[in-house]
Amino acid sequence: MGTRRVKNTAPTAFLILMRKCIETICLDKSAVGNSLPKKIEDLGERGVIPQTLSAMATIIKNLGNIGAHSEKIEIDYHDRQSIEDFFLAIVEYVYIAPAKLEKLKVSMSGKKESFI
């Protein structure tokens, strides 16, 4: 991920890239809305992400906006790490966990008892 390379060397670029990643998820999941906040809201309303992850995505979007518009804000290493953690939680929920669940279902489908 390109964002990891810039997290420590270019904090402003990191914020902007994280925002772009949220936009990409919205596009991939066919979010509806004429603005990124509306698209994030749509993902929440459709159950693609729960409210907590919607709030995380909104924070990432807001910080990306701050970075893109040259507002003076200091984002220290711990804040950047939290932002990355938020993003990874969204990716885990939207992509990784469903894939793992499907893999487990396939694996368990041939077992004597149904665990699912």
N, C-alpha and C. Protein backbone atom coordinates (compact mmCIF):
# COMPACT_ATOMS: atom_id res chain seq x y z
N MET A 1 0.85 -1.17 0.00
CA MET A 1 0.00 0.00 0.00
C MET A 1 0.90 1.23 0.00
N GLY A 2 0.65 2.15 -0.93
CA GLY A 2 1.45 3.36 -1.04
C GLY A 2 1.37 4.25 0.17
N THR A 3 0.26 4.18 0.89
CA THR A 3 0.09 5.04 2.05
C THR A 3 1.10 4.74 3.15
N ARG A 4 1.49 3.50 3.29
CA ARG A 4 2.45 3.15 4.35
C ARG A 4 3.81 3.79 4.11
N ARG A 5 4.17 3.93 2.84
CA ARG A 5 5.47 4.53 2.53
C ARG A 5 5.52 6.00 2.91
N VAL A 6 4.39 6.67 2.80
CA VAL A 6 4.39 8.11 3.05
C VAL A 6 3.93 8.48 4.46
N LYS A 7 3.44 7.50 5.21
CA LYS A 7 2.89 7.81 6.54
C LYS A 7 3.87 8.58 7.40
N ASN A 8 5.13 8.19 7.39
CA ASN A 8 6.13 8.83 8.24
C ASN A 8 6.87 9.97 7.56
N THR A 9 6.96 9.93 6.25
CA THR A 9 7.76 10.94 5.55
C THR A 9 6.94 12.11 5.02
N ALA A 10 5.66 11.88 4.75
CA ALA A 10 4.82 12.94 4.19
C ALA A 10 3.41 12.84 4.78
N PRO A 11 3.24 13.29 6.02
CA PRO A 11 1.95 13.14 6.70
C PRO A 11 0.76 13.72 5.95
N THR A 12 0.94 14.84 5.28
CA THR A 12 -0.17 15.44 4.53
C THR A 12 -0.57 14.53 3.37
N ALA A 13 0.40 14.02 2.65
CA ALA A 13 0.11 13.10 1.55
C ALA A 13 -0.57 11.84 2.08
N PHE A 14 -0.15 11.38 3.24
CA PHE A 14 -0.77 10.21 3.87
C PHE A 14 -2.26 10.45 4.09
N LEU A 15 -2.60 11.61 4.63
CA LEU A 15 -4.01 11.94 4.87
C LEU A 15 -4.82 11.93 3.58
N ILE A 16 -4.25 12.52 2.55
CA ILE A 16 -4.94 12.59 1.26
C ILE A 16 -5.10 11.20 0.66
N LEU A 17 -4.07 10.37 0.75
CA LEU A 17 -4.16 9.01 0.22
C LEU A 17 -5.18 8.17 0.99
N MET A 18 -5.25 8.35 2.29
CA MET A 18 -6.23 7.60 3.07
C MET A 18 -7.65 7.99 2.64
N ARG A 19 -7.86 9.28 2.41
CA ARG A 19 -9.16 9.75 1.93
C ARG A 19 -9.47 9.11 0.58
N LYS A 20 -8.48 9.08 -0.30
CA LYS A 20 -8.66 8.47 -1.62
C LYS A 20 -9.02 6.99 -1.50
N CYS A 21 -8.44 6.31 -0.54
CA CYS A 21 -8.76 4.90 -0.31
C CYS A 21 -10.22 4.73 0.10
N ILE A 22 -10.72 5.64 0.93
CA ILE A 22 -12.14 5.59 1.31
C ILE A 22 -13.01 5.81 0.08
N GLU A 23 -12.63 6.75 -0.77
CA GLU A 23 -13.37 6.98 -2.02
C GLU A 23 -13.39 5.72 -2.88
N THR A 24 -12.27 5.03 -2.93
CA THR A 24 -12.17 3.81 -3.74
C THR A 24 -13.10 2.72 -3.22
N ILE A 25 -13.18 2.57 -1.91
CA ILE A 25 -14.10 1.60 -1.33
C ILE A 25 -15.54 1.97 -1.69
N CYS A 26 -15.86 3.25 -1.59
CA CYS A 26 -17.21 3.70 -1.96
C CYS A 26 -17.52 3.36 -3.41
N LEU A 27 -16.58 3.59 -4.28
CA LEU A 27 -16.76 3.27 -5.70
C LEU A 27 -16.94 1.76 -5.88
N ASP A 28 -16.08 0.98 -5.25
CA ASP A 28 -16.13 -0.48 -5.38
C ASP A 28 -17.45 -1.05 -4.87
N LYS A 29 -17.99 -0.46 -3.83
CA LYS A 29 -19.23 -0.95 -3.23
C LYS A 29 -20.47 -0.20 -3.74
N SER A 30 -20.29 0.52 -4.85
CA SER A 30 -21.39 1.21 -5.53
C SER A 30 -22.18 2.13 -4.61
N ALA A 31 -21.46 2.89 -3.81
CA ALA A 31 -22.10 3.84 -2.91
C ALA A 31 -22.81 4.93 -3.72
N VAL A 32 -23.98 5.31 -3.24
CA VAL A 32 -24.79 6.31 -3.93
C VAL A 32 -24.70 7.63 -3.18
N GLY A 33 -24.57 8.70 -3.94
CA GLY A 33 -24.52 10.04 -3.35
C GLY A 33 -23.70 10.95 -4.22
N ASN A 34 -23.95 12.26 -4.10
CA ASN A 34 -23.22 13.22 -4.93
C ASN A 34 -22.00 13.81 -4.23
N SER A 35 -21.69 13.28 -3.05
CA SER A 35 -20.50 13.72 -2.32
C SER A 35 -19.98 12.54 -1.52
N LEU A 36 -18.75 12.62 -1.11
CA LEU A 36 -18.17 11.53 -0.33
C LEU A 36 -18.91 11.32 0.99
N PRO A 37 -19.29 12.37 1.72
CA PRO A 37 -20.06 12.12 2.94
C PRO A 37 -21.36 11.35 2.68
N LYS A 38 -22.04 11.68 1.59
CA LYS A 38 -23.29 10.98 1.25
C LYS A 38 -23.00 9.52 0.88
N LYS A 39 -21.89 9.28 0.22
CA LYS A 39 -21.53 7.91 -0.15
C LYS A 39 -21.19 7.08 1.09
N ILE A 40 -20.47 7.68 2.02
CA ILE A 40 -20.16 6.99 3.28
C ILE A 40 -21.46 6.68 4.03
N GLU A 41 -22.34 7.65 4.07
CA GLU A 41 -23.64 7.47 4.72
C GLU A 41 -24.42 6.33 4.05
N ASP A 42 -24.38 6.28 2.72
CA ASP A 42 -25.07 5.22 1.98
C ASP A 42 -24.52 3.84 2.35
N LEU A 43 -23.21 3.73 2.47
CA LEU A 43 -22.62 2.44 2.87
C LEU A 43 -23.15 2.00 4.23
N GLY A 44 -23.30 2.95 5.13
CA GLY A 44 -23.84 2.64 6.45
C GLY A 44 -25.30 2.24 6.39
N GLU A 45 -26.08 2.98 5.63
CA GLU A 45 -27.51 2.70 5.52
C GLU A 45 -27.78 1.35 4.88
N ARG A 46 -26.94 0.95 3.94
CA ARG A 46 -27.12 -0.35 3.27
C ARG A 46 -26.49 -1.51 4.04
N GLY A 47 -25.84 -1.20 5.16
CA GLY A 47 -25.24 -2.26 5.97
C GLY A 47 -23.91 -2.76 5.46
N VAL A 48 -23.32 -2.05 4.50
CA VAL A 48 -21.99 -2.43 4.02
C VAL A 48 -20.98 -2.23 5.14
N ILE A 49 -21.17 -1.16 5.91
CA ILE A 49 -20.35 -0.91 7.10
C ILE A 49 -21.28 -0.49 8.24
N PRO A 50 -20.93 -0.85 9.48
CA PRO A 50 -21.73 -0.40 10.62
C PRO A 50 -21.42 1.05 10.97
N GLN A 51 -22.21 1.61 11.88
CA GLN A 51 -22.09 3.02 12.26
C GLN A 51 -20.69 3.39 12.72
N THR A 52 -20.06 2.55 13.51
CA THR A 52 -18.71 2.87 14.01
C THR A 52 -17.73 3.02 12.85
N LEU A 53 -17.80 2.13 11.87
CA LEU A 53 -16.90 2.23 10.73
C LEU A 53 -17.27 3.41 9.84
N SER A 54 -18.53 3.75 9.77
CA SER A 54 -18.95 4.94 9.04
C SER A 54 -18.34 6.19 9.67
N ALA A 55 -18.35 6.24 11.00
CA ALA A 55 -17.74 7.36 11.71
C ALA A 55 -16.23 7.41 11.45
N MET A 56 -15.59 6.24 11.43
CA MET A 56 -14.16 6.18 11.13
C MET A 56 -13.88 6.70 9.73
N ALA A 57 -14.68 6.27 8.76
CA ALA A 57 -14.50 6.71 7.38
C ALA A 57 -14.69 8.22 7.26
N THR A 58 -15.64 8.75 8.00
CA THR A 58 -15.88 10.20 7.98
C THR A 58 -14.69 10.96 8.56
N ILE A 59 -14.11 10.45 9.63
CA ILE A 59 -12.91 11.09 10.20
C ILE A 59 -11.78 11.09 9.18
N ILE A 60 -11.57 9.95 8.52
CA ILE A 60 -10.51 9.87 7.51
C ILE A 60 -10.79 10.87 6.39
N LYS A 61 -12.03 10.94 5.95
CA LYS A 61 -12.41 11.89 4.89
C LYS A 61 -12.13 13.32 5.33
N ASN A 62 -12.54 13.67 6.54
CA ASN A 62 -12.33 15.04 7.04
C ASN A 62 -10.85 15.39 7.15
N LEU A 63 -10.05 14.47 7.65
CA LEU A 63 -8.61 14.74 7.76
C LEU A 63 -7.97 14.83 6.39
N GLY A 64 -8.44 14.03 5.44
CA GLY A 64 -7.94 14.13 4.07
C GLY A 64 -8.27 15.48 3.46
N ASN A 65 -9.46 15.99 3.75
CA ASN A 65 -9.83 17.33 3.28
C ASN A 65 -8.90 18.38 3.86
N ILE A 66 -8.62 18.27 5.15
CA ILE A 66 -7.72 19.22 5.80
C ILE A 66 -6.36 19.18 5.12
N GLY A 67 -5.85 17.97 4.88
CA GLY A 67 -4.56 17.83 4.21
C GLY A 67 -4.56 18.41 2.81
N ALA A 68 -5.65 18.20 2.08
CA ALA A 68 -5.73 18.66 0.69
C ALA A 68 -5.85 20.16 0.57
N HIS A 69 -6.37 20.80 1.59
CA HIS A 69 -6.61 22.24 1.50
C HIS A 69 -5.64 23.08 2.32
N SER A 70 -4.52 22.49 2.64
CA SER A 70 -3.39 23.19 3.27
C SER A 70 -3.73 23.86 4.59
N GLU A 71 -4.71 23.36 5.29
CA GLU A 71 -4.98 23.90 6.61
C GLU A 71 -3.87 23.43 7.54
N LYS A 72 -3.47 24.29 8.42
CA LYS A 72 -2.38 23.96 9.34
C LYS A 72 -2.90 23.06 10.45
N ILE A 73 -2.46 21.84 10.43
CA ILE A 73 -2.80 20.89 11.49
C ILE A 73 -1.64 19.92 11.63
N GLU A 74 -1.29 19.63 12.84
CA GLU A 74 -0.19 18.70 13.11
C GLU A 74 -0.78 17.33 13.41
N ILE A 75 -0.47 16.38 12.57
CA ILE A 75 -0.91 15.00 12.77
C ILE A 75 0.32 14.21 13.19
N ASP A 76 0.39 13.88 14.48
CA ASP A 76 1.57 13.17 14.96
C ASP A 76 1.51 11.69 14.59
N TYR A 77 2.59 10.98 14.88
CA TYR A 77 2.70 9.58 14.50
C TYR A 77 1.55 8.75 15.05
N HIS A 78 1.18 8.96 16.30
CA HIS A 78 0.12 8.16 16.91
C HIS A 78 -1.23 8.42 16.24
N ASP A 79 -1.48 9.66 15.86
CA ASP A 79 -2.71 9.98 15.13
C ASP A 79 -2.71 9.30 13.76
N ARG A 80 -1.57 9.34 13.08
CA ARG A 80 -1.47 8.69 11.77
C ARG A 80 -1.67 7.19 11.91
N GLN A 81 -1.13 6.61 12.97
CA GLN A 81 -1.31 5.18 13.20
C GLN A 81 -2.78 4.86 13.45
N SER A 82 -3.46 5.70 14.21
CA SER A 82 -4.89 5.50 14.46
C SER A 82 -5.68 5.57 13.16
N ILE A 83 -5.34 6.52 12.32
CA ILE A 83 -6.01 6.65 11.02
C ILE A 83 -5.81 5.40 10.19
N GLU A 84 -4.57 4.91 10.15
CA GLU A 84 -4.30 3.68 9.40
C GLU A 84 -5.06 2.50 10.01
N ASP A 85 -5.10 2.42 11.33
CA ASP A 85 -5.85 1.35 12.00
C ASP A 85 -7.34 1.42 11.65
N PHE A 86 -7.89 2.64 11.64
CA PHE A 86 -9.30 2.81 11.25
C PHE A 86 -9.52 2.27 9.85
N PHE A 87 -8.65 2.66 8.93
CA PHE A 87 -8.81 2.22 7.55
C PHE A 87 -8.71 0.70 7.45
N LEU A 88 -7.74 0.12 8.13
CA LEU A 88 -7.58 -1.34 8.08
C LEU A 88 -8.79 -2.05 8.69
N ALA A 89 -9.41 -1.46 9.69
CA ALA A 89 -10.63 -2.05 10.27
C ALA A 89 -11.75 -2.05 9.23
N ILE A 90 -11.85 -0.99 8.46
CA ILE A 90 -12.86 -0.92 7.41
C ILE A 90 -12.60 -1.99 6.36
N VAL A 91 -11.35 -2.11 5.93
CA VAL A 91 -10.98 -3.12 4.94
C VAL A 91 -11.26 -4.53 5.47
N GLU A 92 -10.93 -4.76 6.72
CA GLU A 92 -11.19 -6.07 7.34
C GLU A 92 -12.68 -6.39 7.29
N TYR A 93 -13.51 -5.44 7.66
CA TYR A 93 -14.95 -5.67 7.72
C TYR A 93 -15.56 -5.85 6.33
N VAL A 94 -15.15 -5.01 5.39
CA VAL A 94 -15.77 -4.99 4.06
C VAL A 94 -15.27 -6.13 3.17
N TYR A 95 -13.98 -6.45 3.26
CA TYR A 95 -13.40 -7.41 2.31
C TYR A 95 -12.88 -8.70 2.95
N ILE A 96 -12.07 -8.56 3.97
CA ILE A 96 -11.35 -9.73 4.50
C ILE A 96 -12.27 -10.67 5.26
N ALA A 97 -13.04 -10.15 6.21
CA ALA A 97 -13.91 -11.02 7.01
C ALA A 97 -14.92 -11.78 6.15
N PRO A 98 -15.60 -11.14 5.19
CA PRO A 98 -16.52 -11.91 4.34
C PRO A 98 -15.82 -13.01 3.54
N ALA A 99 -14.62 -12.73 3.06
CA ALA A 99 -13.88 -13.75 2.31
C ALA A 99 -13.49 -14.92 3.21
N LYS A 100 -13.06 -14.61 4.43
CA LYS A 100 -12.71 -15.67 5.38
C LYS A 100 -13.94 -16.50 5.74
N LEU A 101 -15.08 -15.84 5.91
CA LEU A 101 -16.31 -16.55 6.24
C LEU A 101 -16.71 -17.50 5.12
N GLU A 102 -16.64 -17.03 3.88
CA GLU A 102 -16.97 -17.90 2.75
C GLU A 102 -16.03 -19.09 2.66
N LYS A 103 -14.76 -18.84 2.88
CA LYS A 103 -13.77 -19.93 2.85
C LYS A 103 -14.09 -20.96 3.93
N LEU A 104 -14.44 -20.51 5.11
CA LEU A 104 -14.78 -21.43 6.19
C LEU A 104 -16.06 -22.20 5.86
N LYS A 105 -17.05 -21.52 5.30
CA LYS A 105 -18.29 -22.20 4.92
C LYS A 105 -18.01 -23.32 3.92
N VAL A 106 -17.18 -23.04 2.93
CA VAL A 106 -16.83 -24.05 1.94
C VAL A 106 -16.11 -25.21 2.62
N SER A 107 -15.19 -24.89 3.48
CA SER A 107 -14.44 -25.93 4.20
C SER A 107 -15.35 -26.78 5.06
N MET A 108 -16.31 -26.15 5.72
CA MET A 108 -17.19 -26.87 6.64
C MET A 108 -18.34 -27.58 5.93
N SER A 109 -18.62 -27.24 4.69
CA SER A 109 -19.78 -27.81 4.00
C SER A 109 -19.67 -29.32 3.81
N GLY A 110 -18.48 -29.84 3.78
CA GLY A 110 -18.30 -31.27 3.60
C GLY A 110 -18.24 -32.04 4.91
N LYS A 111 -18.33 -31.36 6.01
CA LYS A 111 -18.25 -32.02 7.32
C LYS A 111 -19.56 -32.70 7.66
N LYS A 112 -19.51 -33.66 8.58
CA LYS A 112 -20.68 -34.44 8.97
C LYS A 112 -21.77 -33.55 9.57
N GLU A 113 -21.40 -32.68 10.48
CA GLU A 113 -22.36 -31.78 11.12
C GLU A 113 -22.26 -30.39 10.51
N SER A 114 -23.36 -29.71 10.49
CA SER A 114 -23.35 -28.34 10.01
C SER A 114 -23.05 -27.41 11.17
N PHE A 115 -22.01 -26.63 11.03
CA PHE A 115 -21.62 -25.67 12.06
C PHE A 115 -22.09 -24.27 11.71
N ILE A 116 -22.71 -24.13 10.57
CA ILE A 116 -23.05 -22.81 10.07
C ILE A 116 -24.55 -22.61 10.05
